[in-house]
Amino acid sequence: MKLYLAIPLVLLALLIAASGVAAVARGWVLPINRRHVRGPRLYGWGQLVVAFALCWQAVCGLVISDSDTRLWGTLTGSMILLVGIIVMTVGQLAGGNREGNGTP
């Protein structure tokens, strides 16, 4: 992986991780996603997993020179990314109703 691909990838991972930390710690979700997310903490954990997977793929693409190890590392990163996306989707579907109108 070239450096011009790795730097934006790591920056994107840091932004996703910051949003995930905010969701896990405070239950805060970006305003564009607020209407869709019902379980903000679970959604935040999914964001943290996605950020980790992106960093994992960047490290495997930049640091590892053995082609066999690089292949298995990026494949593992893709599987972790898929797990993170599934956790984020479950965070959108599961959880309580966030309207807070007081009715069950």
C-alpha atoms as a PDB file:
ATOM      1  CA  MET A   1       0.000   0.000   0.000  1.00  0.00           C
ATOM      2  CA  LYS A   2       1.298   3.401  -0.886  1.00  0.00           C
ATOM      3  CA  LEU A   3       1.625   6.164   1.668  1.00  0.00           C
ATOM      4  CA  TYR A   4      -0.854   8.374  -0.189  1.00  0.00           C
ATOM      5  CA  LEU A   5      -3.479   5.694   0.420  1.00  0.00           C
ATOM      6  CA  ALA A   6      -2.523   4.896   4.002  1.00  0.00           C
ATOM      7  CA  ILE A   7      -2.639   8.453   5.386  1.00  0.00           C
ATOM      8  CA  PRO A   8      -6.283   9.171   4.402  1.00  0.00           C
ATOM      9  CA  LEU A   9      -7.243   5.677   5.550  1.00  0.00           C
ATOM     10  CA  VAL A  10      -5.737   6.213   8.997  1.00  0.00           C
ATOM     11  CA  LEU A  11      -7.295   9.702   9.259  1.00  0.00           C
ATOM     12  CA  LEU A  12     -10.680   8.242   8.381  1.00  0.00           C
ATOM     13  CA  ALA A  13     -10.162   5.530  10.991  1.00  0.00           C
ATOM     14  CA  LEU A  14      -9.336   8.167  13.611  1.00  0.00           C
ATOM     15  CA  LEU A  15     -12.529  10.110  12.822  1.00  0.00           C
ATOM     16  CA  ILE A  16     -14.618   6.947  13.038  1.00  0.00           C
ATOM     17  CA  ALA A  17     -12.889   6.005  16.307  1.00  0.00           C
ATOM     18  CA  ALA A  18     -13.579   9.452  17.797  1.00  0.00           C
ATOM     19  CA  SER A  19     -17.246   9.127  16.886  1.00  0.00           C
ATOM     20  CA  GLY A  20     -17.286   5.614  18.356  1.00  0.00           C
ATOM     21  CA  VAL A  21     -15.755   6.778  21.632  1.00  0.00           C
ATOM     22  CA  ALA A  22     -18.373   9.536  21.874  1.00  0.00           C
ATOM     23  CA  ALA A  23     -21.152   7.017  21.274  1.00  0.00           C
ATOM     24  CA  VAL A  24     -19.819   4.516  23.812  1.00  0.00           C
ATOM     25  CA  ALA A  25     -18.955   7.051  26.526  1.00  0.00           C
ATOM     26  CA  ARG A  26     -21.866   9.486  26.250  1.00  0.00           C
ATOM     27  CA  GLY A  27     -24.408   7.886  23.921  1.00  0.00           C
ATOM     28  CA  TRP A  28     -23.815  10.718  21.450  1.00  0.00           C
ATOM     29  CA  VAL A  29     -24.232   9.949  17.751  1.00  0.00           C
ATOM     30  CA  LEU A  30     -23.593  12.262  14.810  1.00  0.00           C
ATOM     31  CA  PRO A  31     -26.718  14.263  13.929  1.00  0.00           C
ATOM     32  CA  ILE A  32     -26.947  12.688  10.486  1.00  0.00           C
ATOM     33  CA  ASN A  33     -27.261   9.210  12.070  1.00  0.00           C
ATOM     34  CA  ARG A  34     -29.336  10.106  15.117  1.00  0.00           C
ATOM     35  CA  ARG A  35     -32.694   9.251  13.617  1.00  0.00           C
ATOM     36  CA  HIS A  36     -31.571   5.781  12.535  1.00  0.00           C
ATOM     37  CA  VAL A  37     -29.558   4.625  15.563  1.00  0.00           C
ATOM     38  CA  ARG A  38     -31.556   3.063  18.392  1.00  0.00           C
ATOM     39  CA  GLY A  39     -28.687   1.563  20.383  1.00  0.00           C
ATOM     40  CA  PRO A  40     -25.978   4.253  20.423  1.00  0.00           C
ATOM     41  CA  ARG A  41     -23.500   2.386  22.614  1.00  0.00           C
ATOM     42  CA  LEU A  42     -23.654  -0.769  20.503  1.00  0.00           C
ATOM     43  CA  TYR A  43     -23.350   1.387  17.392  1.00  0.00           C
ATOM     44  CA  GLY A  44     -20.283   3.036  18.929  1.00  0.00           C
ATOM     45  CA  TRP A  45     -18.648  -0.323  19.602  1.00  0.00           C
ATOM     46  CA  GLY A  46     -19.238  -1.186  15.962  1.00  0.00           C
ATOM     47  CA  GLN A  47     -17.548   2.045  14.930  1.00  0.00           C
ATOM     48  CA  LEU A  48     -14.551   1.218  17.106  1.00  0.00           C
ATOM     49  CA  VAL A  49     -14.279  -2.223  15.494  1.00  0.00           C
ATOM     50  CA  VAL A  50     -14.455  -0.655  12.019  1.00  0.00           C
ATOM     51  CA  ALA A  51     -11.739   1.854  12.936  1.00  0.00           C
ATOM     52  CA  PHE A  52      -9.530  -0.952  14.246  1.00  0.00           C
ATOM     53  CA  ALA A  53     -10.065  -2.944  11.041  1.00  0.00           C
ATOM     54  CA  LEU A  54      -9.093   0.006   8.855  1.00  0.00           C
ATOM     55  CA  CYS A  55      -5.908   0.547  10.861  1.00  0.00           C
ATOM     56  CA  TRP A  56      -5.174  -3.192  10.716  1.00  0.00           C
ATOM     57  CA  GLN A  57      -5.436  -3.142   6.938  1.00  0.00           C
ATOM     58  CA  ALA A  58      -3.213  -0.081   6.692  1.00  0.00           C
ATOM     59  CA  VAL A  59      -0.553  -1.731   8.865  1.00  0.00           C
ATOM     60  CA  CYS A  60      -0.717  -4.966   6.887  1.00  0.00           C
ATOM     61  CA  GLY A  61      -0.427  -3.032   3.650  1.00  0.00           C
ATOM     62  CA  LEU A  62       2.476  -0.812   4.733  1.00  0.00           C
ATOM     63  CA  VAL A  63       4.603  -2.714   7.213  1.00  0.00           C
ATOM     64  CA  ILE A  64       4.430  -6.337   6.151  1.00  0.00           C
ATOM     65  CA  SER A  65       6.579  -7.197   3.142  1.00  0.00           C
ATOM     66  CA  ASP A  66       5.853 -10.935   2.906  1.00  0.00           C
ATOM     67  CA  SER A  67       3.084 -11.381   0.332  1.00  0.00           C
ATOM     68  CA  ASP A  68       1.541 -14.418   2.042  1.00  0.00           C
ATOM     69  CA  THR A  69       1.346 -12.703   5.420  1.00  0.00           C
ATOM     70  CA  ARG A  70       0.062  -9.507   3.817  1.00  0.00           C
ATOM     71  CA  LEU A  71      -2.688 -11.482   2.080  1.00  0.00           C
ATOM     72  CA  TRP A  72      -3.849 -13.152   5.304  1.00  0.00           C
ATOM     73  CA  GLY A  73      -3.547  -9.887   7.233  1.00  0.00           C
ATOM     74  CA  THR A  74      -5.739  -7.934   4.839  1.00  0.00           C
ATOM     75  CA  LEU A  75      -8.212 -10.813   4.673  1.00  0.00           C
ATOM     76  CA  THR A  76      -8.408 -10.806   8.472  1.00  0.00           C
ATOM     77  CA  GLY A  77      -8.872  -7.028   8.406  1.00  0.00           C
ATOM     78  CA  SER A  78     -11.724  -7.421   5.931  1.00  0.00           C
ATOM     79  CA  MET A  79     -13.431  -9.951   8.175  1.00  0.00           C
ATOM     80  CA  ILE A  80     -13.044  -7.647  11.195  1.00  0.00           C
ATOM     81  CA  LEU A  81     -14.473  -4.796   9.087  1.00  0.00           C
ATOM     82  CA  LEU A  82     -17.465  -6.935   8.188  1.00  0.00           C
ATOM     83  CA  VAL A  83     -18.046  -7.794  11.862  1.00  0.00           C
ATOM     84  CA  GLY A  84     -17.918  -4.076  12.739  1.00  0.00           C
ATOM     85  CA  ILE A  85     -20.462  -3.212  10.054  1.00  0.00           C
ATOM     86  CA  ILE A  86     -22.756  -5.979  11.339  1.00  0.00           C
ATOM     87  CA  VAL A  87     -22.458  -4.642  14.913  1.00  0.00           C
ATOM     88  CA  MET A  88     -23.275  -1.133  13.664  1.00  0.00           C
ATOM     89  CA  THR A  89     -26.330  -2.501  11.839  1.00  0.00           C
ATOM     90  CA  VAL A  90     -27.512  -4.290  14.970  1.00  0.00           C
ATOM     91  CA  GLY A  91     -27.067  -0.982  16.835  1.00  0.00           C
ATOM     92  CA  GLN A  92     -29.422   0.601  14.354  1.00  0.00           C
ATOM     93  CA  LEU A  93     -32.029  -2.119  14.695  1.00  0.00           C
ATOM     94  CA  ALA A  94     -31.831  -3.028  18.393  1.00  0.00           C
ATOM     95  CA  GLY A  95     -32.181  -0.942  21.507  1.00  0.00           C
ATOM     96  CA  GLY A  96     -34.840   1.189  23.040  1.00  0.00           C
ATOM     97  CA  ASN A  97     -36.878   3.873  21.363  1.00  0.00           C
ATOM     98  CA  ARG A  98     -35.027   7.190  21.604  1.00  0.00           C
ATOM     99  CA  GLU A  99     -38.077   9.446  21.270  1.00  0.00           C
ATOM    100  CA  GLY A 100     -38.611   9.728  25.010  1.00  0.00           C
ATOM    101  CA  ASN A 101     -42.328  10.519  24.861  1.00  0.00           C
ATOM    102  CA  GLY A 102     -43.053   8.483  28.009  1.00  0.00           C
ATOM    103  CA  THR A 103     -45.416   5.971  26.423  1.00  0.00           C
ATOM    104  CA  PRO A 104     -44.522   2.261  26.292  1.00  0.00           C
END
